[in-house]
Protein backbone atom coordinates (compact mmCIF):
# COMPACT_ATOMS: atom_id res chain seq x y z
CA UNK A 1 -12.97 -24.38 6.40
CA UNK A 2 -14.89 -22.12 3.87
CA UNK A 3 -17.90 -20.81 3.76
CA UNK A 4 -20.95 -19.29 1.10
CA UNK A 5 -22.44 -16.10 1.92
CA UNK A 6 -24.83 -14.06 -0.01
CA UNK A 7 -23.16 -10.99 -1.86
CA UNK A 8 -26.54 -8.85 -0.58
CA UNK A 9 -26.07 -9.56 2.67
CA UNK A 10 -21.88 -8.55 2.57
CA UNK A 11 -22.89 -5.94 0.93
CA UNK A 12 -25.14 -5.07 2.98
CA UNK A 13 -24.09 -5.34 5.84
CA UNK A 14 -21.27 -3.56 4.98
CA UNK A 15 -23.12 -0.36 4.69
CA UNK A 16 -24.89 -1.16 7.74
CA UNK A 17 -22.06 -1.08 9.85
CA UNK A 18 -19.63 1.80 7.97
CA UNK A 19 -23.27 3.87 8.12
CA UNK A 20 -23.37 3.19 12.40
CA UNK A 21 -19.89 4.41 12.65
CA UNK A 22 -20.42 6.99 11.14
CA UNK A 23 -23.59 8.14 12.36
CA UNK A 24 -21.57 7.73 15.71
CA UNK A 25 -18.60 9.06 14.81
CA UNK A 26 -20.70 12.42 13.87
CA UNK A 27 -23.38 12.41 16.52
CA UNK A 28 -20.19 12.76 18.76
CA UNK A 29 -18.87 15.44 16.87
CA UNK A 30 -21.81 17.30 16.65
CA UNK A 31 -23.06 16.87 20.51
CA UNK A 32 -19.90 18.74 21.20
CA UNK A 33 -20.74 21.37 18.64
CA UNK A 34 -23.88 22.02 20.62
CA UNK A 35 -22.32 22.37 24.40
CA UNK A 36 -20.15 25.10 22.70
CA UNK A 37 -23.43 27.66 23.31
CA UNK A 38 -23.71 26.43 26.73
CA UNK A 39 -20.68 28.13 27.32
CA UNK A 40 -20.25 31.16 29.54
CA UNK A 41 -19.26 34.33 26.95
CA UNK A 42 -16.81 37.09 28.22
CA UNK A 43 -15.65 39.99 25.64
CA UNK A 44 -12.65 39.65 24.01
CA UNK A 45 -9.80 41.48 21.15
CA UNK A 46 -9.64 40.54 17.65
CA UNK A 47 -6.19 40.69 17.32
CA UNK A 48 -5.77 39.54 13.53
CA UNK A 49 -8.43 38.42 10.98
CA UNK A 50 -7.43 36.78 7.58
CA UNK A 51 -8.12 33.95 5.08
CA UNK A 52 -6.02 31.11 4.32
CA UNK A 53 -5.71 29.30 1.34
CA UNK A 54 -4.14 26.23 0.96
CA UNK A 55 -3.87 23.58 -1.94
CA UNK A 56 -6.76 21.08 -3.26
CA UNK A 57 -5.00 17.88 -4.10
CA UNK A 58 -7.01 15.20 -5.88
CA UNK A 59 -6.87 11.18 -5.56
CA UNK A 60 -3.65 10.80 -7.51
CA UNK A 61 -2.03 14.75 -5.29
CA UNK A 62 -2.61 16.29 -8.82
CA UNK A 63 -3.21 19.83 -8.09
CA UNK A 64 -8.08 20.81 -7.91
CA UNK A 65 -7.82 24.76 -6.64
CA UNK A 66 -7.70 26.41 -4.00
CA UNK A 67 -9.92 26.00 -0.48
CA UNK A 68 -9.80 29.15 1.74
CA UNK A 69 -11.21 29.62 5.52
CA UNK A 70 -11.52 32.48 7.49
CA UNK A 71 -8.41 32.80 10.31
CA UNK A 72 -9.41 35.17 13.66
CA UNK A 73 -6.93 35.20 16.43
CA UNK A 74 -8.18 37.15 19.94
CA UNK A 75 -8.10 37.22 23.44
CA UNK A 76 -9.60 36.28 26.23
CA UNK A 77 -9.85 35.89 30.23
CA UNK A 78 -11.48 33.10 31.88
CA UNK A 79 -10.52 31.58 35.01
CA UNK A 80 -8.26 34.99 35.77
CA UNK A 81 -6.11 34.16 32.52
CA UNK A 82 -5.30 35.21 29.50
CA UNK A 83 -5.97 33.28 26.84
CA UNK A 84 -5.73 33.13 22.92
CA UNK A 85 -8.22 31.64 20.52
CA UNK A 86 -8.15 30.90 16.59
CA UNK A 87 -11.52 29.05 16.16
CA UNK A 88 -14.73 30.40 15.09
CA UNK A 89 -17.07 27.88 15.66
CA UNK A 90 -15.75 23.91 16.66
CA UNK A 91 -16.33 22.86 12.77
CA UNK A 92 -14.46 24.21 10.84
CA UNK A 93 -15.54 25.45 7.26
CA UNK A 94 -13.32 25.35 3.91
CA UNK A 95 -14.45 26.82 1.07
CA UNK A 96 -13.30 26.60 -2.38
CA UNK A 97 -14.69 30.80 -2.77
CA UNK A 98 -12.53 32.97 -0.97
CA UNK A 99 -15.15 35.55 -1.17
CA UNK A 100 -17.22 33.68 1.31
CA UNK A 101 -13.61 33.32 3.50
CA UNK A 102 -13.23 37.11 3.45
CA UNK A 103 -17.01 38.27 4.15
CA UNK A 104 -16.37 35.48 7.34
CA UNK A 105 -13.21 37.25 8.24
CA UNK A 106 -14.56 40.93 7.58
CA UNK A 107 -16.96 40.53 10.44
CA UNK A 108 -14.09 40.21 13.11
CA UNK A 109 -12.13 43.00 12.02
CA UNK A 110 -8.39 43.30 13.41
CA UNK A 111 -8.76 45.78 16.74
CA UNK A 112 -12.95 45.12 17.54
CA UNK A 113 -14.46 43.46 20.66
CA UNK A 114 -15.67 39.93 20.70
CA UNK A 115 -18.31 37.79 22.14
CA UNK A 116 -15.96 34.49 23.22
CA UNK A 117 -17.94 31.37 24.57
CA UNK A 118 -15.49 29.47 26.32
CA UNK A 119 -15.51 25.84 27.49
CA UNK A 120 -15.90 25.80 31.58
CA UNK A 121 -11.42 25.48 32.29
CA UNK A 122 -11.36 28.63 29.53
CA UNK A 123 -8.70 26.09 27.39
CA UNK A 124 -10.46 26.27 24.54
CA UNK A 125 -12.75 29.08 22.95
CA UNK A 126 -14.84 29.48 19.48
CA UNK A 127 -16.95 33.02 18.32
CA UNK A 128 -19.97 31.35 17.10
CA UNK A 129 -20.54 28.50 19.12
CA UNK A 130 -23.64 25.42 18.34
CA UNK A 131 -24.50 23.79 15.47
CA UNK A 132 -25.12 25.76 12.93
CA UNK A 133 -28.24 24.51 10.77
CA UNK A 134 -26.33 22.89 7.24
CA UNK A 135 -24.35 20.11 9.75
CA UNK A 136 -27.52 18.20 10.96
CA UNK A 137 -27.22 17.27 6.63
CA UNK A 138 -24.35 15.00 7.60
CA UNK A 139 -26.17 13.25 8.95
CA UNK A 140 -28.50 12.34 5.90
CA UNK A 141 -24.92 10.08 4.65
CA UNK A 142 -24.24 7.30 7.27
CA UNK A 143 -28.73 7.46 7.00
CA UNK A 144 -28.43 6.57 3.47
CA UNK A 145 -26.07 4.35 3.90
CA UNK A 146 -27.74 2.43 7.32
CA UNK A 147 -31.05 2.35 5.11
CA UNK A 148 -30.27 0.61 2.03
CA UNK A 149 -28.31 -2.05 4.01
CA UNK A 150 -31.01 -2.38 6.11
CA UNK A 151 -33.53 -3.05 2.94
CA UNK A 152 -30.20 -5.81 1.46
CA UNK A 153 -30.49 -7.63 4.54
CA UNK A 154 -34.08 -6.92 4.16
CA UNK A 155 -35.36 -8.02 0.53
CA UNK A 156 -34.61 -10.85 -1.69
CA UNK A 157 -34.07 -10.77 -5.39
CA UNK A 158 -33.46 -13.43 -8.09
CA UNK A 159 -29.28 -11.94 -8.03
CA UNK A 160 -29.78 -13.27 -4.61
CA UNK A 161 -27.70 -16.06 -6.58
CA UNK A 162 -24.43 -14.93 -6.28
CA UNK A 163 -22.27 -15.82 -3.23
CA UNK A 164 -18.49 -14.90 -1.79
CA UNK A 165 -16.34 -17.61 -0.87
CA UNK A 166 -14.54 -17.05 2.06
CA UNK A 167 -11.66 -18.96 3.55
CA UNK A 168 -10.97 -18.92 7.36
CA UNK A 169 -7.54 -20.38 7.59
CA UNK A 170 -5.77 -22.38 11.06
CA UNK A 171 -4.28 -20.29 13.42
């Protein structure tokens, strides 16, 4: 069995579906990150504060440069038990700027006291709870895909003559 489908409909539906899937995943992640701002806080101690470096590779596996992220480990007590954490926030950030990563890790020198926000069960912890303002910008990507996909589905034009043939084989 074969059916002919307009290319605008195929592209529009594809963009709409991809945008919706990415939007749902991002919103779930951002909700979890936002919830961390309501976690209980305790005083902890920084154990180590360094910068991690990893290679950035292109599509073909070729070296494109270095990426850096601050790495801070700390000890805290929650629920009567000692824990170690290593997350600044629930969404890890990497940058091509080593100076940025050094600056971030510099806020937490080894041996210093820090405010540690931990999940109610004490298993997860962060030093910087909540959503940073720039993270909300990621919602623009799926938003744009949804708008363009919807626009393609709702408009018509001279290019509507193009079709795609979809063939279904019997099972």
